N, C-alpha and C. Protein backbone atom coordinates (compact mmCIF):
# COMPACT_ATOMS: atom_id res chain seq x y z
N MET A 1 4.37 -21.51 24.96
CA MET A 1 3.29 -21.06 24.33
C MET A 1 3.75 -19.70 24.53
N GLN A 2 3.32 -18.43 23.75
CA GLN A 2 3.26 -17.11 24.04
C GLN A 2 2.44 -16.41 25.09
N PRO A 3 3.02 -15.17 25.74
CA PRO A 3 2.70 -14.45 26.93
C PRO A 3 1.50 -14.09 26.71
N LYS A 4 0.94 -13.81 27.33
CA LYS A 4 -0.84 -12.99 26.96
C LYS A 4 -0.49 -11.64 26.82
N SER A 5 -1.35 -11.78 25.50
CA SER A 5 -1.39 -10.04 25.39
C SER A 5 -2.21 -9.05 26.24
N LEU A 6 -2.24 -7.87 26.36
CA LEU A 6 -2.92 -7.19 27.32
C LEU A 6 -3.98 -7.18 26.24
N THR A 7 -5.56 -6.17 26.58
CA THR A 7 -6.45 -6.12 26.43
C THR A 7 -5.85 -4.70 26.15
N ASP A 8 -6.95 -3.99 24.92
CA ASP A 8 -6.40 -2.41 24.73
C ASP A 8 -6.29 -1.71 26.01
N ALA A 9 -7.52 -2.02 26.30
CA ALA A 9 -7.82 -1.65 28.05
C ALA A 9 -7.08 -1.19 28.53
N GLU A 10 -6.25 -2.39 29.05
CA GLU A 10 -5.03 -2.70 30.06
C GLU A 10 -3.87 -2.57 29.16
N LEU A 11 -3.76 -1.83 27.77
CA LEU A 11 -2.29 -1.55 27.88
C LEU A 11 -2.45 0.05 27.72
N LEU A 12 -3.97 0.58 27.44
CA LEU A 12 -3.86 2.07 28.05
C LEU A 12 -4.18 2.29 29.30
N LEU A 13 -4.11 1.47 30.10
CA LEU A 13 -4.63 2.05 31.54
C LEU A 13 -2.26 2.08 31.94
N LEU A 14 -2.35 0.42 31.43
CA LEU A 14 -0.63 0.74 32.67
C LEU A 14 0.21 1.69 31.70
N GLY A 15 0.10 1.82 30.54
CA GLY A 15 1.05 3.44 30.12
C GLY A 15 0.51 4.80 31.17
N LEU A 16 -0.28 5.01 31.05
CA LEU A 16 -0.66 6.14 31.86
C LEU A 16 0.03 5.82 32.90
N VAL A 17 -0.28 4.79 33.42
CA VAL A 17 0.13 4.54 35.29
C VAL A 17 1.86 4.46 35.02
N ALA A 18 2.31 3.61 34.04
CA ALA A 18 3.95 4.51 33.29
C ALA A 18 3.77 5.52 33.44
N GLU A 19 3.41 6.22 33.39
CA GLU A 19 3.61 8.48 33.64
C GLU A 19 4.16 8.76 34.25
N MET A 20 2.57 7.89 35.23
CA MET A 20 3.43 8.84 37.04
C MET A 20 2.33 8.30 37.14
N PRO A 21 2.52 7.61 38.73
CA PRO A 21 1.68 6.82 39.78
C PRO A 21 0.40 7.63 39.43
N ARG A 22 -1.27 7.41 39.44
CA ARG A 22 -2.15 8.45 39.62
C ARG A 22 -3.19 6.84 40.59
N HIS A 23 -4.72 7.31 40.89
CA HIS A 23 -5.29 6.73 40.88
C HIS A 23 -6.86 6.44 40.15
N GLY A 24 -7.49 6.16 40.42
CA GLY A 24 -8.66 5.42 39.06
C GLY A 24 -9.58 7.38 38.31
N TYR A 25 -9.55 8.04 39.07
CA TYR A 25 -10.44 9.21 38.43
C TYR A 25 -9.44 9.75 37.86
N GLN A 26 -8.09 10.31 38.35
CA GLN A 26 -6.72 10.82 37.98
C GLN A 26 -6.81 10.21 36.54
N LEU A 27 -6.98 8.88 36.47
CA LEU A 27 -6.99 8.18 34.77
C LEU A 27 -7.90 8.47 33.89
N GLU A 28 -9.55 8.50 34.63
CA GLU A 28 -10.32 8.98 33.85
C GLU A 28 -9.95 10.02 33.47
N GLN A 29 -9.78 11.22 34.41
CA GLN A 29 -9.96 13.05 34.14
C GLN A 29 -8.48 12.60 32.59
N VAL A 30 -7.59 12.40 32.31
CA VAL A 30 -5.86 12.24 31.49
C VAL A 30 -7.51 11.90 30.24
N ILE A 31 -7.73 10.69 30.06
CA ILE A 31 -8.40 10.16 29.00
C ILE A 31 -9.25 11.18 28.72
N GLU A 32 -10.12 11.31 29.36
CA GLU A 32 -11.20 12.85 28.60
C GLU A 32 -10.22 13.81 28.19
N GLN A 33 -9.42 14.30 29.53
CA GLN A 33 -8.47 15.82 28.32
C GLN A 33 -7.84 15.26 26.78
N ARG A 34 -7.09 14.03 26.94
CA ARG A 34 -6.11 13.85 25.87
C ARG A 34 -7.06 13.81 24.23
N GLY A 35 -8.17 13.57 25.06
CA GLY A 35 -9.45 12.95 23.33
C GLY A 35 -9.60 11.32 23.50
N MET A 36 -8.89 10.83 24.52
CA MET A 36 -8.47 8.95 24.20
C MET A 36 -9.97 8.54 23.75
N ARG A 37 -10.75 8.72 24.24
CA ARG A 37 -12.03 7.53 23.97
C ARG A 37 -12.54 7.67 22.58
N GLU A 38 -11.22 8.95 21.26
CA GLU A 38 -11.92 8.91 20.15
C GLU A 38 -11.40 7.64 19.93
N TRP A 39 -9.83 7.07 19.94
CA TRP A 39 -9.57 5.88 19.64
C TRP A 39 -9.63 4.48 19.99
N THR A 40 -10.02 4.78 21.60
CA THR A 40 -10.34 2.80 22.61
C THR A 40 -11.06 3.27 22.93
N ALA A 41 -11.38 2.35 23.17
CA ALA A 41 -13.03 1.19 24.39
C ALA A 41 -12.31 1.44 25.64
N ILE A 42 -12.94 2.70 26.73
CA ILE A 42 -12.43 2.04 28.09
C ILE A 42 -14.00 2.78 28.85
N GLY A 43 -14.61 2.65 29.73
CA GLY A 43 -16.01 2.98 30.18
C GLY A 43 -15.27 3.62 31.42
N PHE A 44 -15.79 4.98 32.23
CA PHE A 44 -15.10 5.44 33.48
C PHE A 44 -15.30 3.98 34.86
N SER A 45 -16.70 3.31 33.90
CA SER A 45 -17.27 2.33 34.88
C SER A 45 -15.46 1.09 35.08
N SER A 46 -14.92 1.25 34.03
CA SER A 46 -14.71 -0.32 34.03
C SER A 46 -12.64 0.44 34.18
N ILE A 47 -12.60 1.47 34.57
CA ILE A 47 -10.97 1.65 35.16
C ILE A 47 -10.61 1.10 36.08
N TYR A 48 -10.99 1.08 37.04
CA TYR A 48 -10.95 0.20 38.39
C TYR A 48 -11.30 -1.72 38.62
N PHE A 49 -11.83 -1.86 38.00
CA PHE A 49 -11.86 -3.49 37.65
C PHE A 49 -10.41 -3.81 36.65
N VAL A 50 -10.15 -3.16 35.77
CA VAL A 50 -8.89 -3.14 34.74
C VAL A 50 -7.63 -2.56 35.93
N LEU A 51 -7.64 -1.80 36.40
CA LEU A 51 -6.53 -1.52 37.32
C LEU A 51 -6.77 -3.08 37.71
N GLY A 52 -7.61 -3.48 38.75
CA GLY A 52 -7.45 -4.46 39.94
C GLY A 52 -6.87 -5.85 39.26
N LYS A 53 -7.38 -5.88 37.70
CA LYS A 53 -6.72 -7.30 37.14
C LYS A 53 -5.54 -6.53 36.76
N LEU A 54 -4.63 -5.84 36.11
CA LEU A 54 -2.83 -5.28 36.22
C LEU A 54 -2.88 -5.72 37.62
N GLU A 55 -3.51 -5.40 39.06
CA GLU A 55 -2.96 -5.49 39.97
C GLU A 55 -2.65 -6.42 40.30
N LYS A 56 -3.84 -7.64 40.27
CA LYS A 56 -3.47 -8.66 40.18
C LYS A 56 -2.28 -10.14 39.46
N ALA A 57 -2.01 -9.25 38.09
CA ALA A 57 -1.08 -9.72 37.55
C ALA A 57 0.79 -9.42 37.53
N GLY A 58 0.83 -8.98 38.62
CA GLY A 58 1.75 -8.01 38.93
C GLY A 58 2.31 -6.67 38.05
N LEU A 59 1.16 -6.19 37.70
CA LEU A 59 1.99 -5.32 36.56
C LEU A 59 1.66 -4.01 37.52
N LEU A 60 1.06 -3.75 38.59
CA LEU A 60 0.86 -2.63 39.13
C LEU A 60 1.12 -2.63 40.10
N THR A 61 0.79 -1.89 41.16
CA THR A 61 0.99 -2.40 42.60
C THR A 61 0.27 -0.94 42.92
N ALA A 62 -0.65 -1.02 44.45
CA ALA A 62 -1.23 -0.03 44.94
C ALA A 62 -1.05 0.33 46.11
N LYS A 63 -1.15 1.25 46.44
CA LYS A 63 -0.51 2.19 47.74
C LYS A 63 -1.99 3.13 48.17
N LYS A 64 -2.39 2.39 49.52
CA LYS A 64 -3.97 3.83 49.71
C LYS A 64 -2.98 4.60 51.03
N PRO A 65 -2.85 5.33 50.67
CA PRO A 65 -2.45 6.78 51.43
C PRO A 65 -2.62 6.74 52.95
N ALA A 66 -2.00 7.34 53.96
CA ALA A 66 -2.52 7.02 55.18
C ALA A 66 -3.99 8.20 55.38
N GLU A 67 -4.34 8.95 55.08
CA GLU A 67 -5.77 10.07 55.00
C GLU A 67 -6.69 8.36 54.43
N ALA A 68 -7.90 8.68 55.47
CA ALA A 68 -8.53 7.94 55.33
C ALA A 68 -9.50 7.91 54.08
N LYS A 69 -9.67 9.13 53.27
CA LYS A 69 -10.39 9.15 52.51
C LYS A 69 -9.85 9.16 50.93
N ALA A 70 -8.52 9.24 51.65
CA ALA A 70 -7.52 9.49 49.96
C ALA A 70 -7.80 8.31 49.28
N LYS A 71 -7.60 8.68 47.93
CA LYS A 71 -8.19 7.30 47.11
C LYS A 71 -6.50 5.84 46.81
N LYS A 72 -6.47 4.86 46.19
CA LYS A 72 -5.53 3.97 45.60
C LYS A 72 -4.51 4.79 44.97
N VAL A 73 -3.50 4.70 45.22
CA VAL A 73 -2.40 5.29 43.89
C VAL A 73 -1.85 3.99 43.44
N PHE A 74 -2.17 3.91 42.06
CA PHE A 74 -1.50 2.66 41.59
C PHE A 74 -0.44 2.53 40.55
N ALA A 75 0.70 2.06 41.12
CA ALA A 75 2.56 2.42 40.08
C ALA A 75 2.48 1.21 39.53
N ILE A 76 3.16 1.75 37.89
CA ILE A 76 3.44 0.37 37.25
C ILE A 76 5.10 -0.51 38.09
N THR A 77 5.44 -1.31 38.48
CA THR A 77 5.94 -2.43 38.52
C THR A 77 7.18 -3.12 37.58
N PRO A 78 8.77 -2.81 37.59
CA PRO A 78 9.85 -3.00 36.61
C PRO A 78 8.61 -4.53 35.81
N HIS A 79 8.33 -5.81 36.17
CA HIS A 79 7.83 -6.76 35.43
C HIS A 79 6.59 -5.81 34.49
N GLY A 80 5.65 -5.09 35.10
CA GLY A 80 4.66 -4.00 34.06
C GLY A 80 5.19 -3.40 33.17
N GLN A 81 6.55 -2.28 33.52
CA GLN A 81 7.16 -1.48 32.54
C GLN A 81 7.93 -2.25 31.53
N GLU A 82 8.24 -3.93 31.72
CA GLU A 82 8.61 -4.53 30.40
C GLU A 82 7.41 -5.06 29.78
N LYS A 83 6.85 -5.34 30.53
CA LYS A 83 5.42 -6.09 29.45
C LYS A 83 4.72 -4.51 28.66
N LEU A 84 4.87 -3.31 29.33
CA LEU A 84 3.93 -1.90 28.39
C LEU A 84 5.85 -2.17 27.66
N VAL A 85 6.61 -2.70 27.25
CA VAL A 85 7.57 -2.00 26.49
C VAL A 85 7.20 -2.91 25.21
N VAL A 86 6.96 -4.39 25.55
CA VAL A 86 7.00 -5.21 24.80
C VAL A 86 4.98 -5.50 24.38
N GLN A 87 4.32 -4.94 24.51
CA GLN A 87 3.01 -4.74 23.77
C GLN A 87 2.58 -2.87 23.37
N THR A 88 3.66 -2.30 23.84
CA THR A 88 3.46 -0.88 22.90
C THR A 88 4.26 -1.49 21.75
N ILE A 89 5.20 -2.53 21.76
CA ILE A 89 5.96 -2.64 20.44
C ILE A 89 5.91 -3.74 19.66
N ALA A 90 4.43 -4.58 19.49
CA ALA A 90 3.88 -5.31 19.17
C ALA A 90 2.52 -4.75 18.82
N ALA A 91 2.20 -3.62 19.66
CA ALA A 91 0.97 -2.98 19.23
C ALA A 91 1.36 -2.02 17.91
N LEU A 92 2.53 -1.95 17.57
CA LEU A 92 3.07 -0.80 16.65
C LEU A 92 3.57 -1.43 15.28
N GLU A 93 3.81 -3.20 15.30
CA GLU A 93 4.35 -3.94 15.13
C GLU A 93 3.18 -5.06 13.52
N ASN A 94 2.49 -5.39 15.15
CA ASN A 94 1.51 -6.14 14.29
C ASN A 94 -0.38 -5.71 13.39
N LEU A 95 -0.54 -5.67 12.17
CA LEU A 95 -1.89 -5.19 11.78
C LEU A 95 -3.17 -6.21 12.17
N ARG A 96 -3.73 -5.66 12.83
CA ARG A 96 -5.40 -6.20 13.05
C ARG A 96 -6.00 -5.99 12.38
N PRO A 97 -7.22 -6.40 11.80
CA PRO A 97 -8.60 -6.35 11.55
C PRO A 97 -9.52 -5.51 12.07
N ILE A 98 -10.06 -4.53 11.73
CA ILE A 98 -11.00 -3.93 12.04
C ILE A 98 -12.46 -3.82 11.72
N HIS A 99 -13.44 -3.87 12.33
CA HIS A 99 -14.40 -4.57 11.95
C HIS A 99 -15.43 -3.49 12.09
N SER A 100 -15.33 -2.89 11.26
CA SER A 100 -15.89 -1.68 11.44
C SER A 100 -17.94 -2.28 11.08
N PRO A 101 -19.14 -2.07 11.24
CA PRO A 101 -20.29 -2.06 11.33
C PRO A 101 -20.58 -1.93 9.93
N VAL A 102 -20.09 -0.97 8.85
CA VAL A 102 -20.71 -0.81 7.38
C VAL A 102 -20.15 -1.61 6.70
N LEU A 103 -19.38 -2.67 6.86
CA LEU A 103 -18.75 -4.44 6.52
C LEU A 103 -20.12 -4.99 6.19
N LEU A 104 -20.65 -4.69 7.21
CA LEU A 104 -22.24 -5.80 7.96
C LEU A 104 -23.16 -4.74 7.15
N GLY A 105 -23.16 -3.71 6.68
CA GLY A 105 -24.30 -3.34 6.28
C GLY A 105 -23.91 -3.41 4.71
N MET A 106 -23.11 -3.44 3.88
CA MET A 106 -23.02 -3.84 2.62
C MET A 106 -23.22 -5.15 2.55
N ALA A 107 -22.65 -5.93 3.51
CA ALA A 107 -23.38 -7.90 3.30
C ALA A 107 -24.66 -8.00 3.42
N HIS A 108 -25.15 -7.21 4.28
CA HIS A 108 -26.91 -7.03 4.26
C HIS A 108 -27.71 -6.31 3.28
N TRP A 109 -26.89 -5.78 2.45
CA TRP A 109 -27.40 -5.00 1.13
C TRP A 109 -28.55 -5.20 0.00
N PRO A 110 -28.72 -6.81 0.00
CA PRO A 110 -29.63 -6.99 -0.83
C PRO A 110 -30.89 -6.89 0.18
N VAL A 111 -30.86 -7.21 1.33
CA VAL A 111 -32.43 -6.76 1.90
C VAL A 111 -33.01 -5.69 1.97
N LEU A 112 -32.19 -4.12 1.87
CA LEU A 112 -32.40 -3.06 1.16
C LEU A 112 -33.23 -2.55 0.06
N LYS A 113 -33.91 -1.80 0.28
CA LYS A 113 -34.53 -1.05 -0.98
C LYS A 113 -33.20 -0.22 -1.92
N ARG A 114 -33.10 -0.33 -3.24
CA ARG A 114 -31.41 0.69 -3.59
C ARG A 114 -31.41 1.76 -3.10
N GLU A 115 -32.31 2.38 -3.35
CA GLU A 115 -32.64 4.01 -2.21
C GLU A 115 -32.17 4.50 -1.78
N ASP A 116 -32.76 3.00 -0.64
CA ASP A 116 -32.33 2.86 1.08
C ASP A 116 -30.94 3.32 1.30
N GLY A 117 -30.55 1.63 0.64
CA GLY A 117 -28.86 1.92 0.21
C GLY A 117 -27.82 2.90 0.40
N LEU A 118 -28.22 3.33 -0.96
CA LEU A 118 -27.36 4.82 -1.42
C LEU A 118 -27.77 5.97 0.07
N ALA A 119 -29.15 6.54 -0.17
CA ALA A 119 -29.27 7.87 1.11
C ALA A 119 -28.42 6.81 2.23
N ALA A 120 -28.60 5.57 2.70
CA ALA A 120 -27.82 5.59 4.05
C ALA A 120 -26.19 6.17 4.17
N LEU A 121 -25.51 5.95 3.10
CA LEU A 121 -24.38 5.82 2.37
C LEU A 121 -24.09 7.43 2.05
N GLN A 122 -25.02 8.09 2.24
CA GLN A 122 -24.83 9.21 1.34
C GLN A 122 -25.05 10.48 2.73
N VAL A 123 -25.87 9.48 4.28
CA VAL A 123 -25.78 10.03 5.70
C VAL A 123 -24.46 9.76 5.70
N ARG A 124 -23.85 8.92 5.72
CA ARG A 124 -22.57 8.20 6.30
C ARG A 124 -20.75 9.34 6.16
N ALA A 125 -21.67 9.36 4.34
CA ALA A 125 -20.15 10.22 3.72
C ALA A 125 -20.49 11.78 4.63
N GLY A 126 -21.75 12.53 5.27
CA GLY A 126 -22.04 13.48 5.62
C GLY A 126 -21.70 13.51 6.95
N ALA A 127 -21.61 11.67 7.39
CA ALA A 127 -20.94 12.09 9.17
C ALA A 127 -19.68 12.14 8.69
N ILE A 128 -19.42 11.47 8.06
CA ILE A 128 -17.94 11.29 7.82
C ILE A 128 -16.77 12.88 7.61
N LYS A 129 -17.36 13.52 6.40
CA LYS A 129 -17.35 15.01 6.55
C LYS A 129 -17.50 16.18 7.91
N ALA A 130 -18.31 16.00 8.70
CA ALA A 130 -18.52 15.73 9.96
C ALA A 130 -18.14 15.87 10.95
N GLU A 131 -17.06 14.81 11.03
CA GLU A 131 -16.05 14.08 12.26
C GLU A 131 -14.96 14.98 11.18
N LEU A 132 -14.56 14.93 10.33
CA LEU A 132 -13.40 15.48 9.69
C LEU A 132 -13.37 16.38 10.28
N ALA A 133 -13.69 16.89 10.28
CA ALA A 133 -13.97 18.78 10.59
C ALA A 133 -13.82 18.85 12.06
N ARG A 134 -14.30 18.12 12.31
CA ARG A 134 -14.37 17.98 14.26
C ARG A 134 -12.61 17.71 14.25
N LEU A 135 -12.58 16.83 14.07
CA LEU A 135 -11.19 16.10 14.53
C LEU A 135 -10.38 17.01 13.78
N GLU A 136 -10.26 17.90 13.23
CA GLU A 136 -9.38 18.99 12.35
C GLU A 136 -9.26 19.95 13.14
N ALA A 137 -10.64 21.21 14.32
CA ALA A 137 -10.53 21.59 14.72
C ALA A 137 -10.20 21.17 16.20
N ILE A 138 -10.19 20.16 16.71
CA ILE A 138 -9.58 20.15 17.74
C ILE A 138 -7.64 19.69 17.35
N LEU A 139 -7.49 19.17 16.61
CA LEU A 139 -6.05 19.13 16.49
C LEU A 139 -5.52 20.65 16.02
N PHE A 140 -6.13 21.65 15.32
CA PHE A 140 -5.80 22.87 15.17
C PHE A 140 -6.01 23.55 16.35
N ASP A 141 -6.96 23.25 17.65
CA ASP A 141 -6.68 24.57 18.58
C ASP A 141 -5.76 23.55 20.27
N GLN A 142 -5.31 23.03 19.74
CA GLN A 142 -4.62 21.92 20.40
C GLN A 142 -2.68 22.41 20.57
N GLN A 143 -2.38 22.82 19.02
CA GLN A 143 -1.31 22.89 18.66
C GLN A 143 -0.25 23.93 19.78
N PRO A 144 0.12 23.57 19.64
CA PRO A 144 1.45 22.50 19.29
C PRO A 144 1.25 21.44 19.75
N LEU A 145 1.52 20.11 19.04
CA LEU A 145 1.89 18.87 20.05
C LEU A 145 2.60 18.06 19.81
N PRO A 146 3.17 17.25 20.61
CA PRO A 146 3.94 16.78 20.47
C PRO A 146 3.85 15.95 19.61
N ASP A 147 4.97 15.19 18.58
CA ASP A 147 4.83 14.26 16.79
C ASP A 147 4.09 13.38 17.71
N PHE A 148 3.82 12.51 18.60
CA PHE A 148 3.42 10.96 18.46
C PHE A 148 1.98 11.98 18.72
N VAL A 149 1.76 12.76 19.52
CA VAL A 149 0.43 13.46 19.16
C VAL A 149 -0.44 13.41 17.71
N GLU A 150 1.09 14.25 17.58
CA GLU A 150 0.32 14.67 15.72
C GLU A 150 0.07 13.11 15.15
N ALA A 151 0.75 11.98 15.35
CA ALA A 151 0.36 11.07 14.31
C ALA A 151 -0.60 10.45 14.83
N LEU A 152 -1.20 10.59 16.13
CA LEU A 152 -2.78 9.84 16.55
C LEU A 152 -3.44 10.41 15.86
N PHE A 153 -3.58 11.75 15.74
CA PHE A 153 -4.63 12.67 15.33
C PHE A 153 -4.66 12.22 13.62
N ASP A 154 -3.11 11.93 12.97
CA ASP A 154 -3.24 11.87 11.17
C ASP A 154 -3.35 10.60 10.86
N PHE A 155 -3.72 9.66 12.00
CA PHE A 155 -3.77 7.85 11.29
C PHE A 155 -5.33 8.52 11.81
N SER A 156 -5.86 8.62 12.54
CA SER A 156 -7.10 8.64 12.29
C SER A 156 -8.16 9.40 11.43
N LEU A 157 -7.23 10.91 11.23
CA LEU A 157 -8.05 11.47 10.06
C LEU A 157 -7.34 11.15 8.50
N GLY A 158 -6.44 10.23 8.06
CA GLY A 158 -5.48 9.26 7.40
C GLY A 158 -7.20 8.29 6.98
N GLN A 159 -7.50 7.47 8.18
CA GLN A 159 -8.70 6.42 7.77
C GLN A 159 -10.09 7.42 7.56
N LEU A 160 -10.35 7.93 8.50
CA LEU A 160 -12.02 8.86 7.63
C LEU A 160 -11.45 9.47 6.24
N GLU A 161 -10.52 10.04 6.36
CA GLU A 161 -10.60 10.58 4.44
C GLU A 161 -10.28 9.66 3.49
N ALA A 162 -9.62 8.11 4.14
CA ALA A 162 -9.98 6.59 3.15
C ALA A 162 -11.71 6.51 2.49
N GLU A 163 -11.71 6.35 3.85
CA GLU A 163 -13.36 5.99 4.41
C GLU A 163 -14.15 6.73 3.55
N ALA A 164 -13.84 8.56 3.60
CA ALA A 164 -14.79 9.16 2.55
C ALA A 164 -14.77 9.00 1.16
N GLU A 165 -13.29 8.17 0.68
CA GLU A 165 -12.76 8.33 -0.95
C GLU A 165 -13.91 6.98 -0.68
N TRP A 166 -13.46 5.91 -0.20
CA TRP A 166 -14.37 5.01 -0.71
C TRP A 166 -15.94 5.13 -0.55
N VAL A 167 -16.31 6.10 0.78
CA VAL A 167 -17.83 6.13 0.17
C VAL A 167 -18.19 6.68 -0.86
N THR A 168 -17.41 7.66 -1.24
CA THR A 168 -17.59 8.22 -2.69
C THR A 168 -17.44 7.41 -4.31
N ARG A 169 -16.79 6.64 -3.91
CA ARG A 169 -16.46 5.99 -5.28
C ARG A 169 -17.49 4.54 -5.37
N THR A 170 -17.99 3.93 -3.88
CA THR A 170 -19.29 3.13 -3.82
C THR A 170 -20.76 4.19 -4.52
N LEU A 171 -21.02 5.20 -4.01
CA LEU A 171 -21.84 5.69 -4.47
C LEU A 171 -21.89 5.90 -5.78
N ASP A 172 -20.69 6.50 -6.29
CA ASP A 172 -20.85 6.33 -8.22
C ASP A 172 -20.85 5.22 -9.02
N CYS A 173 -20.50 4.74 -8.63
CA CYS A 173 -20.84 3.25 -8.80
C CYS A 173 -22.03 2.55 -9.11
N MET A 174 -22.42 2.65 -7.89
CA MET A 174 -23.80 2.18 -7.39
C MET A 174 -25.02 3.45 -8.53
N LYS A 175 -24.62 4.15 -8.43
CA LYS A 175 -25.74 5.12 -9.07
C LYS A 175 -25.48 5.30 -10.93
N HIS A 176 -24.11 4.78 -10.86
CA HIS A 176 -24.40 4.40 -12.49
C HIS A 176 -24.66 2.77 -12.97
N LYS A 177 -25.10 1.76 -12.00
CA LYS A 177 -25.90 0.52 -12.34
C LYS A 177 -27.00 0.49 -12.16
N LEU A 178 -27.54 2.09 -12.09
CA LEU A 178 -28.80 1.77 -12.04
C LEU A 178 -29.85 1.62 -12.72
């Protein structure tokens, strides 16, 4: 039986705590500062819940400082470090399908008037173009970046560029079949 995989949120928080011990609010600040919500889903309200799960699993320890108002600080355990390494390698190696809502839209195309579907794809093309420009501006403003952070941006930009090409080809094909 294979050991249980971490969720994306668990892996994210485990990795951030591995960098240095932190409390939940500090983790929220790092997630915001690094723009991590651009590519992973974790809400502010779930941070402490996920930290509690990681602590219960023995991957993190928590220490309450002596100050009465101080927040609980989480640190990675040796078991957590091992799990982090294994799960990080798996995240890099394993292909996992991405479930884009555009696929549902295409699957239900027959319920639309053709011109409404084509107009929706035009709107999507504009949104992709705007998102590409936004990410490129963030990338430019944050230079120089470590190579692995640049790779994160490159991956997101590559996906958007591929989708932009797909939308253009799909629109061209569908317009010629009118």
